Amino acid sequence: MDVDDERRDEDGRVVLRTVGEPGWAIRGLGDQNGDGKADVLWRHGPTGMLYLWTMNGKTIVTETYLATVDPTYVIVGTGDYNGDGRSDVPVAAPDKRRTLGLG
């Protein structure tokens, strides 16, 4: 994921980050790392790449590549489906017969 440099306000806080290439979209918000704070799941539509931004409020703590999933598969949603305290990402094939889970 090509992310432009951070922009900061007069107090040094990040106020805006932009994704530098087209095709990226936010596909989920949820606590992916178990810290009780919402994180941001990104997907690159043309390639199926998934990236996670772990967050502390409005601050990006980490940017992590998760996986590349067939671009025809759809993210069904996010939520703690397995009860481990972290948000999961179920992904389904277009025919809905095959699914896989990340998280």
C-alpha atoms as a PDB file:
ATOM      1  CA  MET A   1       0.000   0.000   0.000  1.00  0.00           C
ATOM      2  CA  ASP A   2       1.491   3.300  -1.056  1.00  0.00           C
ATOM      3  CA  VAL A   3       0.649   5.835   1.643  1.00  0.00           C
ATOM      4  CA  ASP A   4       1.586   9.496   1.319  1.00  0.00           C
ATOM      5  CA  ASP A   5       3.610  11.170   4.050  1.00  0.00           C
ATOM      6  CA  GLU A   6       1.836  12.070   7.249  1.00  0.00           C
ATOM      7  CA  ARG A   7       0.392  15.520   7.562  1.00  0.00           C
ATOM      8  CA  ARG A   8       0.501  17.010  11.029  1.00  0.00           C
ATOM      9  CA  ASP A   9      -1.175  19.912  12.764  1.00  0.00           C
ATOM     10  CA  GLU A  10       0.660  22.519  14.839  1.00  0.00           C
ATOM     11  CA  ASP A  11       0.703  20.105  17.822  1.00  0.00           C
ATOM     12  CA  GLY A  12       2.328  17.347  15.769  1.00  0.00           C
ATOM     13  CA  ARG A  13      -0.808  15.181  15.539  1.00  0.00           C
ATOM     14  CA  VAL A  14      -1.559  13.293  12.325  1.00  0.00           C
ATOM     15  CA  VAL A  15      -4.599  14.896  10.756  1.00  0.00           C
ATOM     16  CA  LEU A  16      -4.724  13.265   7.336  1.00  0.00           C
ATOM     17  CA  ARG A  17      -3.155  10.345   5.532  1.00  0.00           C
ATOM     18  CA  THR A  18      -3.986   9.586   1.973  1.00  0.00           C
ATOM     19  CA  VAL A  19      -3.630   6.394   0.001  1.00  0.00           C
ATOM     20  CA  GLY A  20      -1.573   7.247  -3.056  1.00  0.00           C
ATOM     21  CA  GLU A  21      -2.964   4.753  -5.544  1.00  0.00           C
ATOM     22  CA  PRO A  22      -6.516   4.114  -6.760  1.00  0.00           C
ATOM     23  CA  GLY A  23      -8.431   0.944  -5.968  1.00  0.00           C
ATOM     24  CA  TRP A  24      -8.085   0.987  -2.160  1.00  0.00           C
ATOM     25  CA  ALA A  25     -11.215   1.135  -0.015  1.00  0.00           C
ATOM     26  CA  ILE A  26     -12.011   0.675   3.654  1.00  0.00           C
ATOM     27  CA  ARG A  27     -13.792  -2.653   4.031  1.00  0.00           C
ATOM     28  CA  GLY A  28     -14.078  -3.005   7.774  1.00  0.00           C
ATOM     29  CA  LEU A  29     -13.705  -1.402  11.161  1.00  0.00           C
ATOM     30  CA  GLY A  30     -13.192  -3.481  14.278  1.00  0.00           C
ATOM     31  CA  ASP A  31     -10.784  -4.411  17.021  1.00  0.00           C
ATOM     32  CA  GLN A  32      -8.357  -6.649  15.135  1.00  0.00           C
ATOM     33  CA  ASN A  33      -5.589  -6.746  17.764  1.00  0.00           C
ATOM     34  CA  GLY A  34      -7.579  -7.061  21.003  1.00  0.00           C
ATOM     35  CA  ASP A  35      -6.697  -3.644  22.470  1.00  0.00           C
ATOM     36  CA  GLY A  36     -10.327  -2.475  22.632  1.00  0.00           C
ATOM     37  CA  LYS A  37      -9.853   0.130  19.881  1.00  0.00           C
ATOM     38  CA  ALA A  38     -11.256   0.053  16.359  1.00  0.00           C
ATOM     39  CA  ASP A  39      -8.795  -0.725  13.575  1.00  0.00           C
ATOM     40  CA  VAL A  40      -9.154  -0.148   9.811  1.00  0.00           C
ATOM     41  CA  LEU A  41      -9.236  -2.951   7.238  1.00  0.00           C
ATOM     42  CA  TRP A  42      -8.265  -1.866   3.696  1.00  0.00           C
ATOM     43  CA  ARG A  43      -8.781  -3.838   0.484  1.00  0.00           C
ATOM     44  CA  HIS A  44      -7.296  -3.194  -2.928  1.00  0.00           C
ATOM     45  CA  GLY A  45     -10.117  -4.125  -5.296  1.00  0.00           C
ATOM     46  CA  PRO A  46      -8.099  -4.946  -8.430  1.00  0.00           C
ATOM     47  CA  THR A  47      -5.642  -7.277  -6.661  1.00  0.00           C
ATOM     48  CA  GLY A  48      -7.527  -8.445  -3.550  1.00  0.00           C
ATOM     49  CA  MET A  49      -4.694  -7.384  -1.202  1.00  0.00           C
ATOM     50  CA  LEU A  50      -5.761  -6.756   2.399  1.00  0.00           C
ATOM     51  CA  TYR A  51      -3.970  -4.368   4.753  1.00  0.00           C
ATOM     52  CA  LEU A  52      -4.693  -3.533   8.352  1.00  0.00           C
ATOM     53  CA  TRP A  53      -4.090  -0.263  10.110  1.00  0.00           C
ATOM     54  CA  THR A  54      -4.102  -0.804  13.868  1.00  0.00           C
ATOM     55  CA  MET A  55      -5.218   2.390  15.510  1.00  0.00           C
ATOM     56  CA  ASN A  56      -4.999   4.294  18.768  1.00  0.00           C
ATOM     57  CA  GLY A  57      -7.838   6.738  18.346  1.00  0.00           C
ATOM     58  CA  LYS A  58      -6.984   8.682  15.194  1.00  0.00           C
ATOM     59  CA  THR A  59      -3.331   7.635  15.239  1.00  0.00           C
ATOM     60  CA  ILE A  60      -2.124   4.802  12.997  1.00  0.00           C
ATOM     61  CA  VAL A  61       0.023   2.508  15.162  1.00  0.00           C
ATOM     62  CA  THR A  62       0.963  -0.120  12.552  1.00  0.00           C
ATOM     63  CA  GLU A  63       0.317  -0.859   8.883  1.00  0.00           C
ATOM     64  CA  THR A  64       0.321  -4.591   8.164  1.00  0.00           C
ATOM     65  CA  TYR A  65      -0.161  -6.667   5.015  1.00  0.00           C
ATOM     66  CA  LEU A  66      -2.605  -9.483   5.875  1.00  0.00           C
ATOM     67  CA  ALA A  67      -3.223 -11.516   2.738  1.00  0.00           C
ATOM     68  CA  THR A  68      -4.197 -11.448  -0.890  1.00  0.00           C
ATOM     69  CA  VAL A  69      -7.641 -12.856  -1.557  1.00  0.00           C
ATOM     70  CA  ASP A  70      -9.125 -13.559  -4.981  1.00  0.00           C
ATOM     71  CA  PRO A  71     -10.596 -10.208  -6.118  1.00  0.00           C
ATOM     72  CA  THR A  72     -13.931 -11.893  -6.922  1.00  0.00           C
ATOM     73  CA  TYR A  73     -14.374 -12.906  -3.266  1.00  0.00           C
ATOM     74  CA  VAL A  74     -16.356 -10.516  -1.079  1.00  0.00           C
ATOM     75  CA  ILE A  75     -15.787  -9.507   2.518  1.00  0.00           C
ATOM     76  CA  VAL A  76     -18.963 -10.591   4.262  1.00  0.00           C
ATOM     77  CA  GLY A  77     -18.465  -8.376   7.311  1.00  0.00           C
ATOM     78  CA  THR A  78     -16.315  -7.983  10.373  1.00  0.00           C
ATOM     79  CA  GLY A  79     -16.988  -9.024  13.952  1.00  0.00           C
ATOM     80  CA  ASP A  80     -15.803 -11.400  16.646  1.00  0.00           C
ATOM     81  CA  TYR A  81     -17.241 -14.610  15.227  1.00  0.00           C
ATOM     82  CA  ASN A  82     -14.984 -17.034  17.123  1.00  0.00           C
ATOM     83  CA  GLY A  83     -15.113 -15.375  20.558  1.00  0.00           C
ATOM     84  CA  ASP A  84     -11.406 -14.568  20.885  1.00  0.00           C
ATOM     85  CA  GLY A  85     -11.976 -10.852  21.546  1.00  0.00           C
ATOM     86  CA  ARG A  86     -10.692  -9.804  18.123  1.00  0.00           C
ATOM     87  CA  SER A  87     -12.579  -8.887  14.996  1.00  0.00           C
ATOM     88  CA  ASP A  88     -12.629 -11.553  12.275  1.00  0.00           C
ATOM     89  CA  VAL A  89     -12.973 -11.068   8.512  1.00  0.00           C
ATOM     90  CA  PRO A  90     -15.107 -13.722   6.765  1.00  0.00           C
ATOM     91  CA  VAL A  91     -14.615 -13.747   3.000  1.00  0.00           C
ATOM     92  CA  ALA A  92     -16.882 -15.618   0.566  1.00  0.00           C
ATOM     93  CA  ALA A  93     -16.665 -16.728  -3.039  1.00  0.00           C
ATOM     94  CA  PRO A  94     -19.244 -15.222  -5.407  1.00  0.00           C
ATOM     95  CA  ASP A  95     -21.246 -18.475  -5.341  1.00  0.00           C
ATOM     96  CA  LYS A  96     -21.222 -18.335  -1.492  1.00  0.00           C
ATOM     97  CA  ARG A  97     -20.195 -22.011  -1.392  1.00  0.00           C
ATOM     98  CA  ARG A  98     -16.625 -21.376  -0.299  1.00  0.00           C
ATOM     99  CA  THR A  99     -15.624 -19.166   2.584  1.00  0.00           C
ATOM    100  CA  LEU A 100     -12.468 -18.431   4.474  1.00  0.00           C
ATOM    101  CA  GLY A 101     -11.832 -16.456   7.603  1.00  0.00           C
ATOM    102  CA  LEU A 102      -9.031 -14.118   8.548  1.00  0.00           C
ATOM    103  CA  GLY A 103      -8.546 -13.342  12.215  1.00  0.00           C
END
